[in-house]
Protein backbone atom coordinates (compact mmCIF):
# COMPACT_ATOMS: atom_id res chain seq x y z
CA MET A 1 22.80 -3.51 -76.93
CA LYS A 2 23.99 -0.20 -75.48
CA VAL A 3 21.97 1.30 -72.52
CA ASP A 4 20.57 4.02 -74.85
CA ASP A 5 18.97 1.38 -77.11
CA ILE A 6 17.59 -0.48 -74.27
CA ALA A 7 16.05 2.68 -72.92
CA LYS A 8 14.45 3.43 -76.22
CA VAL A 9 12.89 0.01 -76.45
CA LEU A 10 11.54 0.18 -73.01
CA LYS A 11 10.10 3.72 -73.67
CA GLU A 12 8.32 2.32 -76.71
CA LEU A 13 6.88 -0.53 -74.77
CA GLY A 14 6.00 1.94 -72.15
CA HIS A 15 2.90 2.97 -74.23
CA THR A 16 -0.23 0.68 -73.65
CA THR A 17 -1.24 0.73 -77.33
CA ARG A 18 2.21 -0.19 -78.51
CA LEU A 19 2.59 -2.92 -75.82
CA ALA A 20 -0.72 -4.29 -76.93
CA ILE A 21 0.47 -4.35 -80.72
CA TYR A 22 3.86 -5.87 -79.71
CA LYS A 23 2.28 -8.56 -77.74
CA ARG A 24 -0.02 -9.54 -80.71
CA VAL A 25 3.02 -9.49 -83.03
CA VAL A 26 5.08 -11.66 -80.66
CA LYS A 27 2.18 -14.05 -80.34
CA ALA A 28 2.09 -14.41 -84.03
CA GLY A 29 5.49 -16.09 -84.15
CA HIS A 30 8.02 -15.88 -86.83
CA GLN A 31 5.64 -15.65 -89.58
CA GLY A 32 4.30 -12.41 -88.36
CA ILE A 33 0.79 -10.88 -88.57
CA ALA A 34 -0.73 -8.80 -91.21
CA VAL A 35 -1.38 -5.20 -90.37
CA GLY A 36 -5.08 -5.58 -91.27
CA GLY A 37 -5.24 -8.60 -88.67
CA LEU A 38 -3.63 -6.34 -85.97
CA GLN A 39 -6.09 -3.52 -86.74
CA GLU A 40 -9.12 -6.07 -86.59
CA LYS A 41 -7.84 -7.74 -83.35
CA LEU A 42 -7.15 -4.48 -81.58
CA ALA A 43 -9.83 -2.04 -82.96
CA ILE A 44 -7.12 0.68 -83.52
CA PRO A 45 -7.66 3.15 -86.51
CA SER A 46 -5.20 2.60 -89.33
CA SER A 47 -3.58 5.98 -89.14
CA THR A 48 -2.86 5.30 -85.15
CA LEU A 49 -1.95 1.72 -85.79
CA SER A 50 0.47 3.04 -88.56
CA HIS A 51 2.04 5.57 -86.13
CA HIS A 52 2.60 3.13 -83.37
CA ILE A 53 4.11 0.40 -85.70
CA SER A 54 6.54 3.07 -86.90
CA SER A 55 7.63 3.72 -83.41
CA LEU A 56 8.03 -0.03 -82.77
CA VAL A 57 10.17 -0.63 -86.07
CA SER A 58 12.37 2.47 -85.12
CA ALA A 59 13.21 0.85 -81.81
CA GLY A 60 14.06 -2.29 -83.61
CA LEU A 61 11.23 -4.50 -81.90
CA ILE A 62 9.45 -5.38 -85.15
CA SER A 63 10.35 -5.53 -88.84
CA GLN A 64 7.88 -5.45 -91.79
CA ARG A 65 7.69 -7.49 -94.94
CA ARG A 66 5.32 -7.17 -97.83
CA GLU A 67 3.71 -10.15 -99.61
CA SER A 68 1.84 -8.99 -102.68
CA ARG A 69 -0.56 -6.42 -101.18
CA THR A 70 -0.27 -7.38 -97.67
CA LEU A 71 2.12 -6.09 -95.07
CA TYR A 72 3.11 -8.15 -92.26
CA CYS A 73 4.72 -7.11 -88.85
CA VAL A 74 7.21 -9.65 -87.54
CA ALA A 75 8.75 -9.50 -84.13
CA GLU A 76 12.60 -9.09 -83.86
CA TYR A 77 13.06 -11.79 -81.18
CA GLU A 78 16.85 -10.91 -81.03
CA THR A 79 16.08 -7.46 -79.62
CA LEU A 80 13.56 -8.97 -77.24
CA ASN A 81 16.08 -11.53 -76.15
CA ALA A 82 18.75 -8.60 -75.70
CA VAL A 83 16.54 -6.41 -73.65
CA ILE A 84 15.56 -9.47 -71.31
CA GLY A 85 19.28 -10.50 -71.22
CA PHE A 86 20.07 -6.94 -70.26
CA LEU A 87 17.71 -6.89 -67.39
CA GLN A 88 18.79 -10.27 -66.15
CA ASP A 89 22.60 -10.09 -66.51
CA GLU A 90 23.51 -8.60 -63.16
CA CYS A 91 20.43 -10.03 -61.15
CA CYS A 92 21.50 -10.39 -57.67
CA ILE A 93 25.20 -9.79 -58.35
CA ASP A 94 25.57 -7.61 -55.27
CA GLU A 95 23.69 -9.91 -53.07
CA SER A 96 25.78 -11.15 -50.07
CA THR A 97 26.30 -14.75 -49.88
């Protein structure tokens, strides 16, 4: 990932509501969590939740899939791992031995 992409991801996660949503989605695992389940667990109005989910999708942190009438949010673990890797890649590289 490019530095600009990493910065966008971190910016989106810098908002408390989006971070709470993302944590719930990550906890759900690869099957994801229904948007209704997110709304219920986090007590967020649907319009607000939709706005924040759109931001997380735009940053590549989550994707969505529809099963019948239910919309699921699924964590994009590759993005999560890329951000963690970016932050760890040069850890202590300038440290004197």
